[in-house]
Amino acid sequence: MQYIFMIALALHVMSGVFWAGSTFVLARMGDGRLAATLFAPQMGAATMAVLSGAVLWYLFHGGYFGTQEQVLAVGATAALVAAGVQGVLVGQARRIGASGSAANTLAQAVRGERLAAALLAITVITMAIARVM
């Protein structure tokens, strides 16, 4: 059990840091081309963060839904919505940009990164709050 915990925690932290960090940078830079380029690695990191987070939830919060779990659930929901926003807006902009360059697609990718950044900020904040509860 201890090895599973260590592996899940390491994967959760590393993938979450890459996903949130790259999202924050892309949202600040406003570079739609770079957002489209990093789409696949970001979605891979998002998938890994969600799956490893589910393992951690099962190991430590599975049978109880107290205040700490409620705060973490808000963060987990925000992370899932952020992944969906990135998947739809940035993914769609990437597909449109590959088939033909439309002027709106890069702005759409930046909008997706900015919305996802706000949601991931909520996720990070709730994770920090849950640790002190």
Protein backbone atom coordinates (compact mmCIF):
# COMPACT_ATOMS: atom_id res chain seq x y z
CA MET A 1 0.00 0.00 0.00
CA GLN A 2 2.79 2.41 0.82
CA TYR A 3 4.33 1.97 -2.64
CA ILE A 4 1.01 2.58 -4.35
CA PHE A 5 0.56 5.76 -2.30
CA MET A 6 4.06 7.04 -3.14
CA ILE A 7 3.66 6.34 -6.86
CA ALA A 8 0.16 7.84 -7.02
CA LEU A 9 1.23 10.93 -5.08
CA ALA A 10 4.32 11.47 -7.25
CA LEU A 11 2.31 11.09 -10.46
CA HIS A 12 -0.42 13.39 -9.15
CA VAL A 13 1.98 16.14 -8.12
CA MET A 14 4.20 15.99 -11.23
CA SER A 15 1.37 15.83 -13.75
CA GLY A 16 -0.63 18.46 -11.87
CA VAL A 17 2.29 20.85 -11.71
CA PHE A 18 2.92 20.51 -15.44
CA TRP A 19 -0.77 20.83 -16.34
CA ALA A 20 -1.52 23.81 -14.11
CA GLY A 21 1.85 25.49 -14.68
CA SER A 22 1.73 25.28 -18.45
CA THR A 23 -1.89 26.42 -18.43
CA PHE A 24 -1.04 29.46 -16.30
CA VAL A 25 1.88 30.35 -18.59
CA LEU A 26 -0.14 29.91 -21.79
CA ALA A 27 -3.02 31.95 -20.35
CA ARG A 28 -0.63 34.77 -19.47
CA MET A 29 1.31 34.67 -22.76
CA GLY A 30 -1.79 34.62 -24.93
CA ASP A 31 -0.09 32.49 -27.60
CA GLY A 32 -2.71 30.38 -29.36
CA ARG A 33 -0.14 28.55 -31.51
CA LEU A 34 1.80 27.38 -28.47
CA ALA A 35 -1.46 26.36 -26.79
CA ALA A 36 -2.29 24.19 -29.79
CA THR A 37 1.21 22.72 -29.77
CA LEU A 38 1.06 21.82 -26.07
CA PHE A 39 -2.51 20.50 -26.25
CA ALA A 40 -1.60 16.80 -26.31
CA PRO A 41 0.95 16.94 -23.45
CA GLN A 42 -1.48 19.00 -21.38
CA MET A 43 -4.32 16.55 -21.92
CA GLY A 44 -1.99 13.67 -21.07
CA ALA A 45 -0.99 15.41 -17.84
CA ALA A 46 -4.64 16.19 -17.07
CA THR A 47 -5.57 12.53 -17.53
CA MET A 48 -2.72 11.40 -15.30
CA ALA A 49 -3.58 13.98 -12.62
CA VAL A 50 -7.23 12.92 -12.58
CA LEU A 51 -6.50 9.19 -12.51
CA SER A 52 -3.84 9.43 -9.81
CA GLY A 53 -6.11 11.78 -7.85
CA ALA A 54 -8.85 9.16 -8.01
CA VAL A 55 -6.43 6.57 -6.61
CA LEU A 56 -5.45 8.92 -3.78
CA TRP A 57 -9.11 9.65 -3.06
CA TYR A 58 -9.84 5.92 -2.87
CA LEU A 59 -6.88 5.28 -0.55
CA PHE A 60 -7.53 8.13 1.89
CA HIS A 61 -11.07 9.48 1.51
CA GLY A 62 -13.10 6.60 0.09
CA GLY A 63 -15.58 5.91 2.87
CA TYR A 64 -15.99 9.34 4.40
CA PHE A 65 -17.31 12.67 3.10
CA GLY A 66 -16.48 15.26 5.73
CA THR A 67 -15.44 18.87 5.36
CA GLN A 68 -12.01 18.06 3.94
CA GLU A 69 -13.53 15.77 1.32
CA GLN A 70 -16.12 18.38 0.39
CA VAL A 71 -13.40 20.98 -0.20
CA LEU A 72 -11.39 18.49 -2.26
CA ALA A 73 -14.51 17.58 -4.25
CA VAL A 74 -14.91 21.25 -5.25
CA GLY A 75 -11.30 21.24 -6.47
CA ALA A 76 -11.71 17.94 -8.29
CA THR A 77 -14.83 19.22 -10.02
CA ALA A 78 -13.04 22.41 -11.06
CA ALA A 79 -10.18 20.30 -12.47
CA LEU A 80 -12.56 18.11 -14.46
CA VAL A 81 -14.32 21.18 -15.87
CA ALA A 82 -10.91 22.72 -16.71
CA ALA A 83 -9.96 19.58 -18.64
CA GLY A 84 -13.26 19.74 -20.50
CA VAL A 85 -12.83 23.43 -21.32
CA GLN A 86 -9.31 22.82 -22.64
CA GLY A 87 -10.44 19.75 -24.54
CA VAL A 88 -13.28 21.56 -26.26
CA LEU A 89 -11.89 25.05 -26.88
CA VAL A 90 -8.18 24.36 -27.41
CA GLY A 91 -8.80 21.00 -29.09
CA GLN A 92 -11.31 22.51 -31.49
CA ALA A 93 -8.99 25.41 -32.27
CA ARG A 94 -6.20 22.92 -32.94
CA ARG A 95 -8.36 20.93 -35.37
CA ILE A 96 -9.61 24.04 -37.17
CA GLY A 97 -6.09 25.47 -37.35
CA ALA A 98 -4.78 22.24 -38.89
CA SER A 99 -7.40 22.22 -41.64
CA GLY A 100 -7.32 25.91 -42.47
CA SER A 101 -6.11 28.95 -40.62
CA ALA A 102 -9.05 30.92 -39.30
CA ALA A 103 -8.35 34.15 -37.45
CA ASN A 104 -10.67 33.23 -34.58
CA THR A 105 -9.07 29.90 -33.74
CA LEU A 106 -6.01 31.26 -31.96
CA ALA A 107 -8.16 33.57 -29.85
CA GLN A 108 -10.38 30.61 -29.01
CA ALA A 109 -7.36 28.59 -27.84
CA VAL A 110 -6.22 31.47 -25.62
CA ARG A 111 -9.74 31.85 -24.21
CA GLY A 112 -9.75 28.14 -23.39
CA GLU A 113 -6.41 28.38 -21.61
CA ARG A 114 -7.57 31.40 -19.58
CA LEU A 115 -10.80 29.74 -18.48
CA ALA A 116 -8.93 26.56 -17.59
CA ALA A 117 -6.32 28.58 -15.67
CA ALA A 118 -9.02 30.14 -13.49
CA LEU A 119 -10.53 26.73 -12.78
CA LEU A 120 -7.14 25.20 -12.03
CA ALA A 121 -6.40 28.07 -9.64
CA ILE A 122 -9.55 27.04 -7.75
CA THR A 123 -8.26 23.47 -7.74
CA VAL A 124 -4.87 24.46 -6.33
CA ILE A 125 -6.45 26.67 -3.68
CA THR A 126 -8.85 23.95 -2.54
CA MET A 127 -6.00 21.44 -2.28
CA ALA A 128 -4.10 23.85 -0.05
CA ILE A 129 -7.15 24.60 2.09
CA ALA A 130 -7.97 20.90 2.51
CA ARG A 131 -4.51 20.22 3.96
CA VAL A 132 -5.12 22.49 6.94
CA MET A 133 -8.59 21.19 7.76
